[in-house]
């Protein structure tokens, strides 16, 4: 079985000049875990994920070292404080804050490799053409897990 057999074809993508706010609105509206960021030819340039969104609301130390929370007693745990940190990024282009070291698969990649990649990443897997990196699909946990359980 290959990635082409389980992928969602022609997924929605964010443009690099979209604001963080616009991209977050799409993530929340569609309940996506992540969204690929692509140029006008649908060539993948990055991914913006819920994981990245949470990182924008945390101090750098806390996002890099989860154990640091105990050492950050001075950090407010107030939702307003987290919201304010996030809103500082609201009008930035998503291309400035997206993840650029993105794991991808191709349509003919064996599905087991996609499952391993999903296990190790914080986002859905973009399926790209080998020639040019054009996005042709996406694989989410929801595409794979029901097939494993059947």
C-alpha atoms as a PDB file:
ATOM      1  CA  UNK A   1       0.000   0.000   0.000  1.00  0.00           C
ATOM      2  CA  UNK A   2       1.305   3.454  -0.888  1.00  0.00           C
ATOM      3  CA  UNK A   3       0.688   6.992   0.319  1.00  0.00           C
ATOM      4  CA  UNK A   4      -1.416   7.691  -2.770  1.00  0.00           C
ATOM      5  CA  UNK A   5      -3.968   5.131  -1.576  1.00  0.00           C
ATOM      6  CA  UNK A   6      -4.706   6.950   1.701  1.00  0.00           C
ATOM      7  CA  UNK A   7      -3.874  10.615   1.071  1.00  0.00           C
ATOM      8  CA  UNK A   8      -6.417  13.387   0.837  1.00  0.00           C
ATOM      9  CA  UNK A   9      -5.801  14.842  -2.625  1.00  0.00           C
ATOM     10  CA  UNK A  10      -5.357  18.558  -3.355  1.00  0.00           C
ATOM     11  CA  UNK A  11      -5.368  19.797   0.255  1.00  0.00           C
ATOM     12  CA  UNK A  12      -5.932  23.387   1.245  1.00  0.00           C
ATOM     13  CA  UNK A  13      -2.714  25.356   1.563  1.00  0.00           C
ATOM     14  CA  UNK A  14      -1.788  28.673   3.111  1.00  0.00           C
ATOM     15  CA  UNK A  15       0.050  31.273   1.055  1.00  0.00           C
ATOM     16  CA  UNK A  16       3.362  32.540   2.472  1.00  0.00           C
ATOM     17  CA  UNK A  17       2.005  36.082   2.770  1.00  0.00           C
ATOM     18  CA  UNK A  18      -1.028  35.075   4.834  1.00  0.00           C
ATOM     19  CA  UNK A  19      -0.920  36.469   8.343  1.00  0.00           C
ATOM     20  CA  UNK A  20      -0.556  34.186  11.331  1.00  0.00           C
ATOM     21  CA  UNK A  21      -4.075  35.260  12.306  1.00  0.00           C
ATOM     22  CA  UNK A  22      -5.587  34.190   8.968  1.00  0.00           C
ATOM     23  CA  UNK A  23      -3.735  30.878   9.063  1.00  0.00           C
ATOM     24  CA  UNK A  24      -4.824  30.167  12.649  1.00  0.00           C
ATOM     25  CA  UNK A  25      -8.430  30.956  11.749  1.00  0.00           C
ATOM     26  CA  UNK A  26      -8.296  28.311   9.004  1.00  0.00           C
ATOM     27  CA  UNK A  27      -6.683  25.754  11.340  1.00  0.00           C
ATOM     28  CA  UNK A  28      -9.380  26.292  13.949  1.00  0.00           C
ATOM     29  CA  UNK A  29     -12.272  26.479  11.503  1.00  0.00           C
ATOM     30  CA  UNK A  30     -11.312  23.223   9.781  1.00  0.00           C
ATOM     31  CA  UNK A  31      -9.895  21.599  12.933  1.00  0.00           C
ATOM     32  CA  UNK A  32      -6.625  20.912  11.135  1.00  0.00           C
ATOM     33  CA  UNK A  33      -3.533  19.876  13.061  1.00  0.00           C
ATOM     34  CA  UNK A  34      -1.386  21.648  10.456  1.00  0.00           C
ATOM     35  CA  UNK A  35      -1.529  23.279   7.065  1.00  0.00           C
ATOM     36  CA  UNK A  36       1.084  23.280   4.319  1.00  0.00           C
ATOM     37  CA  UNK A  37       2.405  26.643   3.196  1.00  0.00           C
ATOM     38  CA  UNK A  38       2.962  26.742  -0.557  1.00  0.00           C
ATOM     39  CA  UNK A  39       3.875  29.187  -3.289  1.00  0.00           C
ATOM     40  CA  UNK A  40       1.521  30.084  -6.151  1.00  0.00           C
ATOM     41  CA  UNK A  41       2.543  26.911  -8.026  1.00  0.00           C
ATOM     42  CA  UNK A  42       1.671  24.789  -4.933  1.00  0.00           C
ATOM     43  CA  UNK A  43       5.343  24.015  -4.257  1.00  0.00           C
ATOM     44  CA  UNK A  44       5.784  23.297  -0.553  1.00  0.00           C
ATOM     45  CA  UNK A  45       7.820  25.863   1.378  1.00  0.00           C
ATOM     46  CA  UNK A  46       6.827  24.987   4.941  1.00  0.00           C
ATOM     47  CA  UNK A  47       4.158  23.887   7.401  1.00  0.00           C
ATOM     48  CA  UNK A  48       2.316  25.826  10.080  1.00  0.00           C
ATOM     49  CA  UNK A  49       0.974  23.640  12.874  1.00  0.00           C
ATOM     50  CA  UNK A  50      -0.895  23.835  16.142  1.00  0.00           C
ATOM     51  CA  UNK A  51       2.417  22.833  17.734  1.00  0.00           C
ATOM     52  CA  UNK A  52       4.071  25.922  16.209  1.00  0.00           C
ATOM     53  CA  UNK A  53       1.143  28.085  17.323  1.00  0.00           C
ATOM     54  CA  UNK A  54       1.594  26.965  20.937  1.00  0.00           C
ATOM     55  CA  UNK A  55       5.339  27.624  20.682  1.00  0.00           C
ATOM     56  CA  UNK A  56       4.612  31.233  19.681  1.00  0.00           C
ATOM     57  CA  UNK A  57       2.703  31.767  22.924  1.00  0.00           C
ATOM     58  CA  UNK A  58       5.460  30.379  25.169  1.00  0.00           C
ATOM     59  CA  UNK A  59       8.805  31.811  26.162  1.00  0.00           C
ATOM     60  CA  UNK A  60      11.626  30.325  24.074  1.00  0.00           C
ATOM     61  CA  UNK A  61      13.101  28.428  27.030  1.00  0.00           C
ATOM     62  CA  UNK A  62       9.814  26.692  27.824  1.00  0.00           C
ATOM     63  CA  UNK A  63       9.224  25.677  24.205  1.00  0.00           C
ATOM     64  CA  UNK A  64      12.715  24.165  23.898  1.00  0.00           C
ATOM     65  CA  UNK A  65      12.853  22.378  27.256  1.00  0.00           C
ATOM     66  CA  UNK A  66       9.583  21.101  28.774  1.00  0.00           C
ATOM     67  CA  UNK A  67      11.399  20.409  32.059  1.00  0.00           C
ATOM     68  CA  UNK A  68      12.216  24.126  32.340  1.00  0.00           C
ATOM     69  CA  UNK A  69       8.681  24.909  33.531  1.00  0.00           C
ATOM     70  CA  UNK A  70       9.678  24.114  37.109  1.00  0.00           C
ATOM     71  CA  UNK A  71      12.520  26.637  36.800  1.00  0.00           C
ATOM     72  CA  UNK A  72      10.216  29.286  35.344  1.00  0.00           C
ATOM     73  CA  UNK A  73       8.127  29.969  38.429  1.00  0.00           C
ATOM     74  CA  UNK A  74       8.087  33.655  37.461  1.00  0.00           C
ATOM     75  CA  UNK A  75       6.178  32.779  34.271  1.00  0.00           C
ATOM     76  CA  UNK A  76       2.537  33.727  34.415  1.00  0.00           C
ATOM     77  CA  UNK A  77       0.120  30.906  33.754  1.00  0.00           C
ATOM     78  CA  UNK A  78      -2.621  33.390  32.975  1.00  0.00           C
ATOM     79  CA  UNK A  79      -4.435  32.864  29.669  1.00  0.00           C
ATOM     80  CA  UNK A  80      -4.345  36.594  29.015  1.00  0.00           C
ATOM     81  CA  UNK A  81      -0.545  36.529  29.181  1.00  0.00           C
ATOM     82  CA  UNK A  82      -0.336  33.610  26.737  1.00  0.00           C
ATOM     83  CA  UNK A  83      -2.836  35.341  24.440  1.00  0.00           C
ATOM     84  CA  UNK A  84      -0.806  38.561  24.508  1.00  0.00           C
ATOM     85  CA  UNK A  85       2.387  36.677  23.576  1.00  0.00           C
ATOM     86  CA  UNK A  86       0.618  35.031  20.669  1.00  0.00           C
ATOM     87  CA  UNK A  87      -1.018  38.233  19.450  1.00  0.00           C
ATOM     88  CA  UNK A  88       2.399  39.840  19.069  1.00  0.00           C
ATOM     89  CA  UNK A  89       2.782  37.520  16.071  1.00  0.00           C
ATOM     90  CA  UNK A  90      -0.750  37.951  14.738  1.00  0.00           C
ATOM     91  CA  UNK A  91       0.092  40.231  11.795  1.00  0.00           C
ATOM     92  CA  UNK A  92       3.349  38.556  10.797  1.00  0.00           C
ATOM     93  CA  UNK A  93       3.447  36.600   7.544  1.00  0.00           C
ATOM     94  CA  UNK A  94       3.086  32.902   8.265  1.00  0.00           C
ATOM     95  CA  UNK A  95       6.269  32.342   6.220  1.00  0.00           C
ATOM     96  CA  UNK A  96       8.254  33.993   9.054  1.00  0.00           C
ATOM     97  CA  UNK A  97       7.076  31.545  11.715  1.00  0.00           C
ATOM     98  CA  UNK A  98       6.330  28.304   9.857  1.00  0.00           C
ATOM     99  CA  UNK A  99       8.400  25.161  10.177  1.00  0.00           C
ATOM    100  CA  UNK A 100      10.714  24.816   7.177  1.00  0.00           C
ATOM    101  CA  UNK A 101      12.421  21.519   7.956  1.00  0.00           C
ATOM    102  CA  UNK A 102       9.423  19.507   6.782  1.00  0.00           C
ATOM    103  CA  UNK A 103       9.164  15.742   6.441  1.00  0.00           C
ATOM    104  CA  UNK A 104       7.365  14.846   3.222  1.00  0.00           C
ATOM    105  CA  UNK A 105       6.402  11.722   1.346  1.00  0.00           C
ATOM    106  CA  UNK A 106       5.729  11.025  -2.317  1.00  0.00           C
ATOM    107  CA  UNK A 107       2.614   9.327  -3.710  1.00  0.00           C
ATOM    108  CA  UNK A 108       4.488   6.051  -4.250  1.00  0.00           C
ATOM    109  CA  UNK A 109       6.137   6.024  -0.798  1.00  0.00           C
ATOM    110  CA  UNK A 110       5.195   2.847   1.115  1.00  0.00           C
ATOM    111  CA  UNK A 111       2.507   3.591   3.689  1.00  0.00           C
ATOM    112  CA  UNK A 112       4.561   2.145   6.560  1.00  0.00           C
ATOM    113  CA  UNK A 113       7.117   4.951   6.023  1.00  0.00           C
ATOM    114  CA  UNK A 114       4.325   7.516   6.291  1.00  0.00           C
ATOM    115  CA  UNK A 115       3.124   5.954   9.555  1.00  0.00           C
ATOM    116  CA  UNK A 116       6.654   6.154  10.975  1.00  0.00           C
ATOM    117  CA  UNK A 117       6.936   9.785   9.839  1.00  0.00           C
ATOM    118  CA  UNK A 118       3.561  10.665  11.397  1.00  0.00           C
ATOM    119  CA  UNK A 119       4.738   9.156  14.654  1.00  0.00           C
ATOM    120  CA  UNK A 120       7.819  11.410  14.687  1.00  0.00           C
ATOM    121  CA  UNK A 121       6.303  14.718  13.526  1.00  0.00           C
ATOM    122  CA  UNK A 122       3.959  17.338  14.932  1.00  0.00           C
ATOM    123  CA  UNK A 123       2.040  17.859  11.716  1.00  0.00           C
ATOM    124  CA  UNK A 124       0.246  16.097   8.887  1.00  0.00           C
ATOM    125  CA  UNK A 125       2.453  14.784   6.091  1.00  0.00           C
ATOM    126  CA  UNK A 126       2.486  16.709   2.837  1.00  0.00           C
ATOM    127  CA  UNK A 127       2.546  14.407  -0.181  1.00  0.00           C
ATOM    128  CA  UNK A 128       4.673  16.023  -2.878  1.00  0.00           C
ATOM    129  CA  UNK A 129       5.638  15.165  -6.434  1.00  0.00           C
ATOM    130  CA  UNK A 130       9.224  13.989  -6.772  1.00  0.00           C
ATOM    131  CA  UNK A 131       9.871  16.477  -9.561  1.00  0.00           C
ATOM    132  CA  UNK A 132       9.457  19.964  -8.141  1.00  0.00           C
ATOM    133  CA  UNK A 133       7.938  19.421  -4.714  1.00  0.00           C
ATOM    134  CA  UNK A 134       4.401  20.328  -5.781  1.00  0.00           C
ATOM    135  CA  UNK A 135       1.798  19.362  -3.159  1.00  0.00           C
ATOM    136  CA  UNK A 136      -0.587  16.717  -4.466  1.00  0.00           C
ATOM    137  CA  UNK A 137      -2.016  15.460  -1.174  1.00  0.00           C
ATOM    138  CA  UNK A 138      -1.775  15.263   2.580  1.00  0.00           C
ATOM    139  CA  UNK A 139      -1.851  12.386   5.050  1.00  0.00           C
ATOM    140  CA  UNK A 140      -3.218  12.853   8.541  1.00  0.00           C
ATOM    141  CA  UNK A 141      -3.573  10.532  11.485  1.00  0.00           C
ATOM    142  CA  UNK A 142      -7.239  10.282  10.533  1.00  0.00           C
ATOM    143  CA  UNK A 143      -6.319   8.946   7.082  1.00  0.00           C
ATOM    144  CA  UNK A 144      -4.131   6.180   8.514  1.00  0.00           C
ATOM    145  CA  UNK A 145      -5.496   5.058  11.889  1.00  0.00           C
ATOM    146  CA  UNK A 146      -8.914   3.802  10.655  1.00  0.00           C
ATOM    147  CA  UNK A 147      -7.172   1.681   8.018  1.00  0.00           C
ATOM    148  CA  UNK A 148      -4.869   0.178  10.648  1.00  0.00           C
ATOM    149  CA  UNK A 149      -7.835  -0.656  12.881  1.00  0.00           C
ATOM    150  CA  UNK A 150      -9.847  -2.397  10.147  1.00  0.00           C
END
